[in-house]
Structures are given as C-alpha cells and as structure tokens.
Amino acid sequence: MATKETKKEEAAKVASVTPFNSKQLSHFRGLIEDKRKSAMDDVSRMRSQLADAREQAENDTAYSFHMADAGTDAMEREKLYLMIAREQKYVGYLDRALDRIETGTYGICKVTGKAISSERLEAVPHTEISIEAKLAQKAK
C-alpha cells in the first residue's frame, strides 16, 4: 500500500497536468479549506446535539416521558447520525480535492481527461468530472 509520501513522489515524477496556475490553485485551495472547516464545524455541532440528546434521555423518568416522544427523539437522533455521515463523506471529497491540488491533477476530468471549467470548480470545488461528463452520465 502506497503511503502519502510515496504518492507525492510518484506525482512529482509525472509532469503537472493541471490547467491552473499557482495563484488559481491557491484560490481553490482556500475555497476548499473554507468549505472543509465549515463542514467540520457542522459535524462538531451535530455531535454536540447528540450528546445533549443522550443526556436529556438519561434524565427523563418513565412518568415524564411519553412513548411517542421517545420515538420522535429516536428519529431525530437517526437524522443527526445520517447528517454527520453525509458531512464526513463531503469532507473526504474535499480532502481528495486537496490531494489533487498537491499532486498537480486538480481540474482534470477523470472521465474525459480534459480541463474542468473554473466556473464549475467555483460551484463544486471538489468535483472530479466536467459538466459535459456529468450530463453524459445523467443521459445514460
């Protein structure tokens, strides 16, 4: 299994193919890092809500808690777990985008091999495919 350092060394051997200059890459890196921080803050907030819900459930007695309330609380906890998982998946996408910036492959469509437009990357900075490839996937 290749380590992160090995991947960087291999990428350094291959000519950089990104269509963006260092100033543009720096802009996208900042955009991605901002989105990553925001997502991590959301995960932290949701985990705090889960902890608060658990504490509340432990403090409720059988006489002050209705079964319907218990069902609603369980559903809310499940939604929080799903939203946490979704945000963590998003953070993974952002991390991979940062890796592509480091390896010099950011902005190249993995389907067509062509450059992804900067407008698309502004809207979805972690994308790996161009809008043309995305439309072709939807058409299938």
C-alpha atoms as a PDB file:
ATOM      1  CA  MET A   1       0.000   0.000   0.000  1.00  0.00           C
ATOM      2  CA  ALA A   2       1.445   3.339  -1.044  1.00  0.00           C
ATOM      3  CA  THR A   3       1.903   5.980   1.592  1.00  0.00           C
ATOM      4  CA  LYS A   4       1.021   9.621   1.144  1.00  0.00           C
ATOM      5  CA  GLU A   5       4.708  10.493   0.675  1.00  0.00           C
ATOM      6  CA  THR A   6       5.092   7.815  -1.991  1.00  0.00           C
ATOM      7  CA  LYS A   7       2.064   9.162  -3.854  1.00  0.00           C
ATOM      8  CA  LYS A   8       3.538  12.667  -3.772  1.00  0.00           C
ATOM      9  CA  GLU A   9       6.884  11.384  -5.048  1.00  0.00           C
ATOM     10  CA  GLU A  10       5.191   9.500  -7.875  1.00  0.00           C
ATOM     11  CA  ALA A  11       3.150  12.573  -8.748  1.00  0.00           C
ATOM     12  CA  ALA A  12       6.306  14.690  -8.815  1.00  0.00           C
ATOM     13  CA  LYS A  13       7.790  12.332 -11.422  1.00  0.00           C
ATOM     14  CA  VAL A  14       4.756  12.848 -13.659  1.00  0.00           C
ATOM     15  CA  ALA A  15       4.517  16.253 -15.281  1.00  0.00           C
ATOM     16  CA  SER A  16       1.914  18.501 -13.691  1.00  0.00           C
ATOM     17  CA  VAL A  17      -1.186  18.454 -15.873  1.00  0.00           C
ATOM     18  CA  THR A  18      -3.409  20.885 -14.036  1.00  0.00           C
ATOM     19  CA  PRO A  19      -4.717  23.675 -16.274  1.00  0.00           C
ATOM     20  CA  PHE A  20      -4.422  26.225 -13.464  1.00  0.00           C
ATOM     21  CA  ASN A  21      -1.519  28.384 -12.392  1.00  0.00           C
ATOM     22  CA  SER A  22      -0.295  28.557  -8.801  1.00  0.00           C
ATOM     23  CA  LYS A  23      -2.409  31.647  -8.000  1.00  0.00           C
ATOM     24  CA  GLN A  24      -5.580  29.914  -9.198  1.00  0.00           C
ATOM     25  CA  LEU A  25      -4.682  26.725  -7.325  1.00  0.00           C
ATOM     26  CA  SER A  26      -4.106  28.781  -4.195  1.00  0.00           C
ATOM     27  CA  HIS A  27      -7.583  30.297  -4.628  1.00  0.00           C
ATOM     28  CA  PHE A  28      -9.187  26.855  -4.994  1.00  0.00           C
ATOM     29  CA  ARG A  29      -7.177  25.504  -2.033  1.00  0.00           C
ATOM     30  CA  GLY A  30      -8.508  28.359   0.114  1.00  0.00           C
ATOM     31  CA  LEU A  31     -12.059  27.755  -1.092  1.00  0.00           C
ATOM     32  CA  ILE A  32     -11.811  24.044  -0.328  1.00  0.00           C
ATOM     33  CA  GLU A  33     -10.215  24.618   3.078  1.00  0.00           C
ATOM     34  CA  ASP A  34     -13.003  27.068   3.994  1.00  0.00           C
ATOM     35  CA  LYS A  35     -15.659  24.542   2.992  1.00  0.00           C
ATOM     36  CA  ARG A  36     -13.819  21.808   4.913  1.00  0.00           C
ATOM     37  CA  LYS A  37     -13.660  23.932   8.066  1.00  0.00           C
ATOM     38  CA  SER A  38     -17.358  24.750   7.784  1.00  0.00           C
ATOM     39  CA  ALA A  39     -18.250  21.070   7.342  1.00  0.00           C
ATOM     40  CA  MET A  40     -16.082  20.045  10.303  1.00  0.00           C
ATOM     41  CA  ASP A  41     -17.763  22.740  12.431  1.00  0.00           C
ATOM     42  CA  ASP A  42     -21.152  21.334  11.397  1.00  0.00           C
ATOM     43  CA  VAL A  43     -20.069  17.811  12.367  1.00  0.00           C
ATOM     44  CA  SER A  44     -18.875  19.072  15.742  1.00  0.00           C
ATOM     45  CA  ARG A  45     -22.154  20.925  16.335  1.00  0.00           C
ATOM     46  CA  MET A  46     -24.228  17.867  15.411  1.00  0.00           C
ATOM     47  CA  ARG A  47     -22.166  15.617  17.689  1.00  0.00           C
ATOM     48  CA  SER A  48     -22.778  18.082  20.493  1.00  0.00           C
ATOM     49  CA  GLN A  49     -26.515  17.892  19.798  1.00  0.00           C
ATOM     50  CA  LEU A  50     -26.329  14.089  20.008  1.00  0.00           C
ATOM     51  CA  ALA A  51     -24.540  14.279  23.342  1.00  0.00           C
ATOM     52  CA  ASP A  52     -27.166  16.711  24.642  1.00  0.00           C
ATOM     53  CA  ALA A  53     -29.962  14.401  23.462  1.00  0.00           C
ATOM     54  CA  ARG A  54     -28.368  11.411  25.206  1.00  0.00           C
ATOM     55  CA  GLU A  55     -28.019  13.383  28.422  1.00  0.00           C
ATOM     56  CA  GLN A  56     -31.647  14.503  28.214  1.00  0.00           C
ATOM     57  CA  ALA A  57     -32.815  10.924  27.643  1.00  0.00           C
ATOM     58  CA  GLU A  58     -30.930   9.748  30.736  1.00  0.00           C
ATOM     59  CA  ASN A  59     -32.541  12.461  32.876  1.00  0.00           C
ATOM     60  CA  ASP A  60     -36.130  11.696  31.825  1.00  0.00           C
ATOM     61  CA  THR A  61     -38.132   9.357  34.028  1.00  0.00           C
ATOM     62  CA  ALA A  62     -40.790   6.938  32.860  1.00  0.00           C
ATOM     63  CA  TYR A  63     -43.528   9.179  34.263  1.00  0.00           C
ATOM     64  CA  SER A  64     -42.410  12.345  32.494  1.00  0.00           C
ATOM     65  CA  PHE A  65     -41.726  10.800  29.103  1.00  0.00           C
ATOM     66  CA  HIS A  66     -44.282   9.572  26.586  1.00  0.00           C
ATOM     67  CA  MET A  67     -43.592   6.729  24.123  1.00  0.00           C
ATOM     68  CA  ALA A  68     -44.388   8.973  21.169  1.00  0.00           C
ATOM     69  CA  ASP A  69     -41.777  11.436  22.402  1.00  0.00           C
ATOM     70  CA  ALA A  70     -39.255   8.615  22.622  1.00  0.00           C
ATOM     71  CA  GLY A  71     -39.970   7.674  19.011  1.00  0.00           C
ATOM     72  CA  THR A  72     -39.589  11.256  17.849  1.00  0.00           C
ATOM     73  CA  ASP A  73     -36.312  11.610  19.731  1.00  0.00           C
ATOM     74  CA  ALA A  74     -35.001   8.377  18.227  1.00  0.00           C
ATOM     75  CA  MET A  75     -35.899   9.618  14.755  1.00  0.00           C
ATOM     76  CA  GLU A  76     -34.130  12.934  15.386  1.00  0.00           C
ATOM     77  CA  ARG A  77     -31.004  11.110  16.586  1.00  0.00           C
ATOM     78  CA  GLU A  78     -31.056   8.930  13.480  1.00  0.00           C
ATOM     79  CA  LYS A  79     -31.299  12.031  11.268  1.00  0.00           C
ATOM     80  CA  LEU A  80     -28.330  13.548  13.077  1.00  0.00           C
ATOM     81  CA  TYR A  81     -26.283  10.368  12.560  1.00  0.00           C
ATOM     82  CA  LEU A  82     -27.115  10.407   8.858  1.00  0.00           C
ATOM     83  CA  MET A  83     -26.249  14.092   8.507  1.00  0.00           C
ATOM     84  CA  ILE A  84     -22.945  13.530  10.319  1.00  0.00           C
ATOM     85  CA  ALA A  85     -22.118  10.653   7.956  1.00  0.00           C
ATOM     86  CA  ARG A  86     -23.020  12.815   4.961  1.00  0.00           C
ATOM     87  CA  GLU A  87     -20.818  15.705   6.143  1.00  0.00           C
ATOM     88  CA  GLN A  88     -17.926  13.319   6.821  1.00  0.00           C
ATOM     89  CA  LYS A  89     -18.261  11.938   3.303  1.00  0.00           C
ATOM     90  CA  TYR A  90     -18.202  15.517   1.971  1.00  0.00           C
ATOM     91  CA  VAL A  91     -15.036  16.219   3.985  1.00  0.00           C
ATOM     92  CA  GLY A  92     -13.495  13.149   2.337  1.00  0.00           C
ATOM     93  CA  TYR A  93     -14.289  14.579  -1.096  1.00  0.00           C
ATOM     94  CA  LEU A  94     -12.714  17.878  -0.083  1.00  0.00           C
ATOM     95  CA  ASP A  95      -9.618  16.085   1.238  1.00  0.00           C
ATOM     96  CA  ARG A  96      -9.235  14.251  -2.076  1.00  0.00           C
ATOM     97  CA  ALA A  97      -9.529  17.569  -3.921  1.00  0.00           C
ATOM     98  CA  LEU A  98      -6.712  18.972  -1.758  1.00  0.00           C
ATOM     99  CA  ASP A  99      -4.653  15.871  -2.610  1.00  0.00           C
ATOM    100  CA  ARG A 100      -5.258  16.508  -6.327  1.00  0.00           C
ATOM    101  CA  ILE A 101      -4.028  20.076  -5.905  1.00  0.00           C
ATOM    102  CA  GLU A 102      -0.860  18.729  -4.256  1.00  0.00           C
ATOM    103  CA  THR A 103      -0.271  16.135  -6.969  1.00  0.00           C
ATOM    104  CA  GLY A 104      -0.952  18.543  -9.816  1.00  0.00           C
ATOM    105  CA  THR A 105      -4.029  16.805 -11.169  1.00  0.00           C
ATOM    106  CA  TYR A 106      -6.679  19.223  -9.873  1.00  0.00           C
ATOM    107  CA  GLY A 107      -9.098  20.426 -12.517  1.00  0.00           C
ATOM    108  CA  ILE A 108      -8.715  17.462 -14.869  1.00  0.00           C
ATOM    109  CA  CYS A 109     -11.852  15.434 -15.611  1.00  0.00           C
ATOM    110  CA  LYS A 110     -11.351  11.782 -14.697  1.00  0.00           C
ATOM    111  CA  VAL A 111     -13.815  10.740 -17.423  1.00  0.00           C
ATOM    112  CA  THR A 112     -12.744  12.828 -20.411  1.00  0.00           C
ATOM    113  CA  GLY A 113      -9.218  13.826 -19.381  1.00  0.00           C
ATOM    114  CA  LYS A 114      -9.995  17.423 -20.328  1.00  0.00           C
ATOM    115  CA  ALA A 115      -9.867  20.512 -18.140  1.00  0.00           C
ATOM    116  CA  ILE A 116     -12.836  21.220 -15.878  1.00  0.00           C
ATOM    117  CA  SER A 117     -14.064  24.786 -16.225  1.00  0.00           C
ATOM    118  CA  SER A 118     -13.150  27.152 -13.417  1.00  0.00           C
ATOM    119  CA  GLU A 119     -16.833  28.124 -13.141  1.00  0.00           C
ATOM    120  CA  ARG A 120     -17.732  24.512 -12.307  1.00  0.00           C
ATOM    121  CA  LEU A 121     -14.904  24.299  -9.800  1.00  0.00           C
ATOM    122  CA  GLU A 122     -16.085  27.526  -8.161  1.00  0.00           C
ATOM    123  CA  ALA A 123     -19.535  25.963  -7.700  1.00  0.00           C
ATOM    124  CA  VAL A 124     -18.327  22.443  -6.796  1.00  0.00           C
ATOM    125  CA  PRO A 125     -14.625  22.699  -5.915  1.00  0.00           C
ATOM    126  CA  HIS A 126     -14.297  19.012  -5.053  1.00  0.00           C
ATOM    127  CA  THR A 127     -15.650  17.722  -8.368  1.00  0.00           C
ATOM    128  CA  GLU A 128     -13.646  15.215 -10.368  1.00  0.00           C
ATOM    129  CA  ILE A 129     -15.660  15.401 -13.567  1.00  0.00           C
ATOM    130  CA  SER A 130     -16.580  18.114 -16.051  1.00  0.00           C
ATOM    131  CA  ILE A 131     -20.130  19.266 -16.636  1.00  0.00           C
ATOM    132  CA  GLU A 132     -20.107  17.508 -20.020  1.00  0.00           C
ATOM    133  CA  ALA A 133     -19.198  14.190 -18.391  1.00  0.00           C
ATOM    134  CA  LYS A 134     -21.837  14.728 -15.686  1.00  0.00           C
ATOM    135  CA  LEU A 135     -24.525  15.404 -18.309  1.00  0.00           C
ATOM    136  CA  ALA A 136     -23.450  12.319 -20.235  1.00  0.00           C
ATOM    137  CA  GLN A 137     -23.778  10.221 -17.060  1.00  0.00           C
ATOM    138  CA  LYS A 138     -27.289  11.544 -16.448  1.00  0.00           C
ATOM    139  CA  ALA A 139     -28.300  10.817 -20.049  1.00  0.00           C
ATOM    140  CA  LYS A 140     -27.498   7.108 -19.639  1.00  0.00           C
END
